Structures are given as C-alpha cells and as structure tokens.
Protein backbone atom coordinates (compact mmCIF):
# COMPACT_ATOMS: atom_id res chain seq x y z
CA UNK A 1 -7.49 1.09 -58.24
CA UNK A 2 -10.19 0.86 -55.82
CA UNK A 3 -11.23 4.00 -54.28
CA UNK A 4 -11.43 2.94 -50.13
CA UNK A 5 -9.91 4.02 -47.08
CA UNK A 6 -6.07 3.13 -46.36
CA UNK A 7 -5.26 1.90 -42.86
CA UNK A 8 -4.01 4.72 -40.81
CA UNK A 9 -6.47 7.55 -41.94
CA UNK A 10 -9.41 7.80 -39.86
CA UNK A 11 -13.34 9.17 -41.45
CA UNK A 12 -15.73 10.31 -38.60
CA UNK A 13 -19.48 11.00 -39.34
CA UNK A 14 -20.23 14.04 -37.03
CA UNK A 15 -22.56 16.61 -38.60
CA UNK A 16 -25.70 16.55 -40.21
CA UNK A 17 -25.96 17.97 -43.84
CA UNK A 18 -26.39 21.62 -44.20
CA UNK A 19 -29.47 23.59 -44.76
CA UNK A 20 -30.30 23.75 -48.39
CA UNK A 21 -28.93 27.01 -50.21
CA UNK A 22 -30.47 29.39 -52.27
CA UNK A 23 -28.24 28.45 -54.93
CA UNK A 24 -28.03 24.46 -55.44
CA UNK A 25 -24.76 25.15 -56.94
CA UNK A 26 -23.16 27.01 -54.58
CA UNK A 27 -20.38 25.32 -51.76
CA UNK A 28 -18.31 27.18 -49.73
CA UNK A 29 -14.30 25.87 -49.21
CA UNK A 30 -11.41 26.88 -46.91
CA UNK A 31 -8.07 26.41 -46.37
CA UNK A 32 -6.29 26.46 -43.14
CA UNK A 33 -3.02 25.59 -41.82
CA UNK A 34 -3.77 25.49 -38.16
CA UNK A 35 -0.35 25.11 -36.86
CA UNK A 36 -1.19 22.11 -34.33
CA UNK A 37 -3.54 24.83 -32.77
CA UNK A 38 -0.99 26.98 -31.36
CA UNK A 39 -1.68 30.90 -33.00
CA UNK A 40 0.54 33.11 -33.80
CA UNK A 41 1.32 33.89 -29.78
CA UNK A 42 3.15 30.57 -29.88
CA UNK A 43 0.15 29.08 -27.25
CA UNK A 44 -1.64 26.25 -27.83
CA UNK A 45 -5.61 26.68 -27.80
CA UNK A 46 -7.52 24.18 -29.82
CA UNK A 47 -10.79 26.07 -28.61
CA UNK A 48 -9.32 29.36 -30.38
CA UNK A 49 -8.98 27.37 -33.60
CA UNK A 50 -12.55 25.92 -33.49
CA UNK A 51 -13.63 29.53 -32.94
CA UNK A 52 -11.78 30.61 -36.30
CA UNK A 53 -12.75 27.90 -37.91
CA UNK A 54 -16.45 28.11 -37.30
CA UNK A 55 -16.33 31.92 -38.59
CA UNK A 56 -15.14 30.69 -41.65
CA UNK A 57 -19.01 29.27 -42.51
CA UNK A 58 -17.49 26.75 -45.13
CA UNK A 59 -18.90 23.89 -46.02
CA UNK A 60 -15.80 21.90 -46.62
CA UNK A 61 -12.43 22.61 -44.91
CA UNK A 62 -8.85 21.41 -46.08
CA UNK A 63 -6.93 21.69 -42.61
CA UNK A 64 -2.81 21.43 -42.72
CA UNK A 65 -0.51 20.71 -39.73
CA UNK A 66 -2.91 18.61 -37.78
CA UNK A 67 -2.05 16.81 -34.45
CA UNK A 68 -3.61 13.54 -33.43
CA UNK A 69 -1.91 12.44 -30.36
CA UNK A 70 1.12 13.76 -31.20
CA UNK A 71 3.17 15.19 -28.71
CA UNK A 72 2.83 17.68 -25.40
CA UNK A 73 3.02 20.45 -28.14
CA UNK A 74 -0.72 19.69 -28.31
CA UNK A 75 -1.39 17.87 -25.07
CA UNK A 76 -1.56 14.38 -27.36
CA UNK A 77 -5.00 15.39 -28.02
CA UNK A 78 -6.83 14.23 -31.30
CA UNK A 79 -7.35 17.53 -33.12
CA UNK A 80 -9.23 16.02 -36.03
CA UNK A 81 -11.70 14.42 -34.25
CA UNK A 82 -12.09 17.20 -31.51
CA UNK A 83 -12.58 19.95 -34.35
CA UNK A 84 -14.70 18.05 -35.87
CA UNK A 85 -17.01 17.61 -32.82
CA UNK A 86 -16.70 21.10 -31.96
CA UNK A 87 -18.02 22.34 -36.03
CA UNK A 88 -20.58 19.31 -35.99
CA UNK A 89 -18.56 18.09 -39.39
CA UNK A 90 -17.68 14.98 -40.57
CA UNK A 91 -14.13 14.46 -40.80
CA UNK A 92 -11.40 12.50 -42.69
CA UNK A 93 -7.69 12.65 -41.27
CA UNK A 94 -4.54 11.57 -43.56
CA UNK A 95 -1.61 11.18 -41.62
CA UNK A 96 1.74 12.05 -42.96
CA UNK A 97 3.93 10.76 -40.07
CA UNK A 98 2.46 7.45 -37.70
CA UNK A 99 4.40 6.94 -35.14
CA UNK A 100 4.80 4.46 -32.15
CA UNK A 101 3.01 5.91 -29.03
CA UNK A 102 4.77 8.18 -26.28
CA UNK A 103 4.02 4.74 -23.49
CA UNK A 104 2.51 1.70 -24.23
CA UNK A 105 -0.82 1.49 -24.41
CA UNK A 106 -1.22 5.14 -25.52
CA UNK A 107 -2.85 5.83 -29.24
CA UNK A 108 -0.33 6.03 -31.87
CA UNK A 109 1.33 9.68 -32.85
CA UNK A 110 0.26 10.64 -35.95
CA UNK A 111 0.48 14.36 -37.94
CA UNK A 112 -1.17 15.34 -41.16
CA UNK A 113 -3.82 16.93 -43.02
CA UNK A 114 -7.47 16.25 -42.72
CA UNK A 115 -10.75 17.39 -44.65
CA UNK A 116 -13.71 18.47 -42.44
CA UNK A 117 -17.20 18.65 -44.56
CA UNK A 118 -20.78 19.54 -43.72
CA UNK A 119 -21.88 17.16 -46.34
CA UNK A 120 -22.02 13.45 -46.20
CA UNK A 121 -18.03 11.93 -46.88
CA UNK A 122 -19.01 9.12 -49.81
CA UNK A 123 -15.23 8.10 -49.70
CA UNK A 124 -11.93 8.54 -48.69
CA UNK A 125 -8.07 7.79 -49.54
CA UNK A 126 -4.97 8.96 -48.13
CA UNK A 127 -2.49 8.70 -51.25
CA UNK A 128 1.10 8.98 -51.53
CA UNK A 129 3.29 11.59 -53.09
CA UNK A 130 7.04 12.63 -52.46
CA UNK A 131 8.05 13.85 -49.45
CA UNK A 132 11.63 14.54 -47.98
CA UNK A 133 10.96 13.49 -43.97
CA UNK A 134 11.49 16.44 -41.50
CA UNK A 135 11.97 13.83 -39.00
CA UNK A 136 15.12 12.55 -40.46
CA UNK A 137 18.50 14.84 -41.10
CA UNK A 138 19.62 12.94 -43.44
CA UNK A 139 16.19 11.34 -45.43
CA UNK A 140 16.14 11.50 -48.95
CA UNK A 141 12.78 12.21 -51.11
CA UNK A 142 10.48 9.15 -51.11
CA UNK A 143 6.75 7.78 -51.55
CA UNK A 144 4.80 8.79 -47.95
CA UNK A 145 1.33 9.88 -47.22
CA UNK A 146 -0.52 12.32 -46.50
CA UNK A 147 -2.06 13.70 -49.65
CA UNK A 148 -6.13 13.43 -48.69
CA UNK A 149 -8.83 12.94 -51.24
CA UNK A 150 -12.40 12.75 -50.39
CA UNK A 151 -15.67 12.29 -52.26
CA UNK A 152 -18.63 14.47 -50.76
CA UNK A 153 -22.26 14.77 -51.67
CA UNK A 154 -22.72 18.34 -52.14
CA UNK A 155 -26.76 18.11 -52.48
CA UNK A 156 -26.52 15.11 -54.13
CA UNK A 157 -23.66 16.08 -56.64
CA UNK A 158 -20.19 14.05 -55.84
CA UNK A 159 -17.13 16.43 -55.56
CA UNK A 160 -13.85 15.40 -55.22
CA UNK A 161 -12.01 17.48 -52.70
CA UNK A 162 -7.95 17.41 -52.09
CA UNK A 163 -5.76 18.69 -48.71
CA UNK A 164 -1.98 18.91 -49.73
CA UNK A 165 0.86 19.96 -47.54
CA UNK A 166 3.76 20.83 -50.29
CA UNK A 167 7.55 20.90 -49.11
CA UNK A 168 8.89 23.67 -47.42
CA UNK A 169 12.26 23.79 -48.41
CA UNK A 170 13.94 26.89 -50.57
CA UNK A 171 14.70 24.03 -53.18
CA UNK A 172 11.97 23.67 -55.21
CA UNK A 173 12.83 20.11 -56.06
CA UNK A 174 10.60 18.27 -53.85
CA UNK A 175 7.34 20.17 -54.60
CA UNK A 176 8.35 20.05 -58.02
CA UNK A 177 7.65 15.96 -57.88
CA UNK A 178 4.75 16.38 -55.35
CA UNK A 179 2.68 19.04 -58.36
CA UNK A 180 3.24 16.28 -60.75
CA UNK A 181 2.21 13.23 -58.62
CA UNK A 182 -0.70 15.56 -57.33
CA UNK A 183 -1.69 16.11 -60.77
CA UNK A 184 -1.65 12.17 -62.16
CA UNK A 185 -4.03 11.83 -59.18
CA UNK A 186 -6.62 14.41 -60.02
CA UNK A 187 -6.45 13.22 -63.59
CA UNK A 188 -7.60 9.88 -62.93
CA UNK A 189 -11.40 10.43 -62.66
CA UNK A 190 -13.66 13.28 -64.21
CA UNK A 191 -15.58 15.56 -62.38
CA UNK A 192 -15.85 18.49 -60.14
CA UNK A 193 -12.58 18.90 -58.09
CA UNK A 194 -10.99 21.33 -55.41
CA UNK A 195 -7.28 21.14 -54.49
CA UNK A 196 -6.73 23.04 -50.95
CA UNK A 197 -3.29 23.39 -49.77
CA UNK A 198 -0.37 25.21 -48.05
CA UNK A 199 1.85 24.81 -51.06
CA UNK A 200 4.77 26.92 -49.42
CA UNK A 201 5.32 28.60 -52.89
CA UNK A 202 3.91 31.25 -54.18
CA UNK A 203 1.65 31.48 -56.76
CA UNK A 204 4.09 32.47 -59.79
CA UNK A 205 6.84 29.77 -58.67
CA UNK A 206 7.97 28.00 -61.68
CA UNK A 207 7.40 24.81 -59.88
CA UNK A 208 3.36 25.28 -59.67
CA UNK A 209 3.38 26.23 -63.42
CA UNK A 210 1.82 22.89 -64.07
CA UNK A 211 -1.04 23.36 -61.58
CA UNK A 212 -2.42 26.46 -63.51
CA UNK A 213 -2.55 24.61 -67.19
CA UNK A 214 -5.40 22.26 -64.85
CA UNK A 215 -6.85 24.33 -62.23
CA UNK A 216 -8.01 27.89 -61.76
CA UNK A 217 -6.56 29.64 -58.68
CA UNK A 218 -9.35 31.20 -56.35
CA UNK A 219 -7.10 34.17 -55.69
CA UNK A 220 -8.23 36.00 -52.19
CA UNK A 221 -6.61 38.98 -53.37
CA UNK A 222 -4.37 39.06 -49.92
CA UNK A 223 -1.45 37.29 -48.74
CA UNK A 224 -1.79 34.35 -46.14
CA UNK A 225 1.78 34.18 -44.54
CA UNK A 226 2.82 35.31 -41.63
CA UNK A 227 -0.61 35.95 -39.89
CA UNK A 228 0.51 38.91 -38.72
CA UNK A 229 1.29 41.39 -41.57
CA UNK A 230 1.52 38.44 -44.16
CA UNK A 231 3.87 39.21 -47.25
CA UNK A 232 3.40 35.93 -49.09
CA UNK A 233 0.30 33.98 -50.50
CA UNK A 234 1.15 30.13 -50.43
CA UNK A 235 -2.28 28.72 -49.02
CA UNK A 236 -4.71 27.86 -51.81
CA UNK A 237 -8.25 26.82 -52.43
CA UNK A 238 -7.85 25.70 -56.48
CA UNK A 239 -10.41 24.54 -58.32
CA UNK A 240 -10.84 22.25 -62.01
CA UNK A 241 -12.22 24.24 -64.71
CA UNK A 242 -15.54 23.25 -64.51
CA UNK A 243 -15.83 24.98 -61.45
CA UNK A 244 -16.74 28.67 -61.31
CA UNK A 245 -14.83 30.68 -58.84
CA UNK A 246 -17.24 33.37 -57.17
CA UNK A 247 -15.63 34.91 -54.57
CA UNK A 248 -12.45 34.81 -52.58
CA UNK A 249 -11.10 35.98 -49.24
CA UNK A 250 -8.31 35.50 -46.53
CA UNK A 251 -9.64 36.49 -43.20
CA UNK A 252 -7.82 38.02 -40.82
CA UNK A 253 -7.16 35.73 -37.60
CA UNK A 254 -3.70 35.18 -35.11
CA UNK A 255 -5.31 31.74 -34.25
CA UNK A 256 -2.70 30.25 -36.41
CA UNK A 257 0.50 31.61 -38.01
CA UNK A 258 -1.26 31.16 -41.40
CA UNK A 259 -4.29 33.11 -42.57
CA UNK A 260 -7.16 31.03 -44.20
CA UNK A 261 -8.16 31.21 -47.47
CA UNK A 262 -12.20 31.17 -48.22
CA UNK A 263 -13.78 30.52 -51.63
CA UNK A 264 -17.62 30.74 -52.72
CA UNK A 265 -17.82 28.16 -55.66
CA UNK A 266 -20.25 27.32 -57.94
CA UNK A 267 -20.16 23.55 -59.40
CA UNK A 268 -21.57 22.72 -62.80
CA UNK A 269 -25.15 21.94 -63.39
C-alpha cells in the first residue's frame, strides 16, 4: 500500500531542524497524554501545556488526548497547530473522532493523537485499528482511525514514529486486538521504530505481552498516572530491537493528569 497522508490528518511544517548533536545517532523521544490541555487541577491552560512540553527537551513527542476545535473544554482551539507553533516543531495530527462542526461554517470537531518533531516529517499516515467508541453508549468494537505513523529524517536517517491511545476499559479484549493490529502495521517495513502511547495498561498486563516480543520498553523507573502521587505506569516509549535505550525518566508535572515519559535513544549506525 502506498504510504501517504489520509484525509482528516494534518501535517504542518513549522520548525527548523535541531542543532547537530555530539552523537549523530542520538535522539530524544517523549510521550505525553496532555488531557486536552487541562492540568491535574482541571483547568484548561494550553500555555502551561506548551511550557511542560518545552521542558522535556525532546526531539520527537507523541501526544494523546489532543483537541482540534473539539468543544468548549478547550475553547474550540486547534491544539495540534498551536503547540507546534509554540515549540517551533513540525506536527502531524491524526483524529480518532471527526465530527460535524458546532455551527455552520466552523471547522470540523476533531479529537485524537499527534506527533511533534524537530526533524522534517517525510511521510505520515493515520491508520485504523479496532476501537470501541466512547461517544456512543452501545457501540461495538470496529475499525477506526487514530493510530498515527510518521517517518522523520533524523540527521538523514529515516525513523518511523508511532503515537497511539489504547482502550481504557477494564476488560482487556479491545486492547488485546489493538496490540495485534499495531504489531502487524509495525511489521510492514524494516528499520528503526519508536512506538509511543498511553496504553491504559501496566507493562505486566497479559494483553501487552506480545509487544515485548517485538519491542523494548524504555522503562523510566517511575509511575506516570495520576500526575500527583502516581501509582500506575501506563504511558510508554517503546523501541524496536535495533534502537538502544540510553536513559529514560518520567518528569513530575501537573500540566496534565498524566506524567510524560522521556527517553534518550541511540539509533543504529
């Protein structure tokens, strides 16, 4: 299948490439569920979100719970573009939900995941995986978009980066299916891969087991949820076997109800 952008996904090139690192194979990747711009205090403050992202000092960031003209909780703002502009980064937004506008002539209401990158985005795609809609009370699991894939040029090296948000329900059935489908997509092409996401399950959950046969967990050695006094680790940066994890941590912040994960990686030569 030809690798291309899909309708409903947005790629925006805003930032310059980062300064050359002393180690040409090093790249810092982060994952952050931004809670639609609301902090642990429940208050919407996108400037606070941008400050928290800036403080990660990451080259590539996978984001979850991103509103684009969604509703009043985020002031109908385009969070993907605004955060990209604030950080001087490129962005790819992949909606999970894409609804009619709140009023005639307004932009469509969208909610999903995004990838921010200091490096050029060479290609991008919004993949479908199985989801059970949270907007319809009697919805059945069905294919739906919102599994973002981008290829970024890290100092002339193509790296595939994914952002995902897995099902939140206690029943692991949908997550189990989502893991199998994500792995099938990852297996389509060779080369370095990074999967970021809010998995809504801890690393030892049986439904995540197949991931660890293919990927390495950049364990930050700390819990990520909730942001204040976290008791669970459900947010991840994971990498293909040819990518080395040099260091990982989960910075303390209350800019969301999750803490981010930041991993310093070494790409294969």
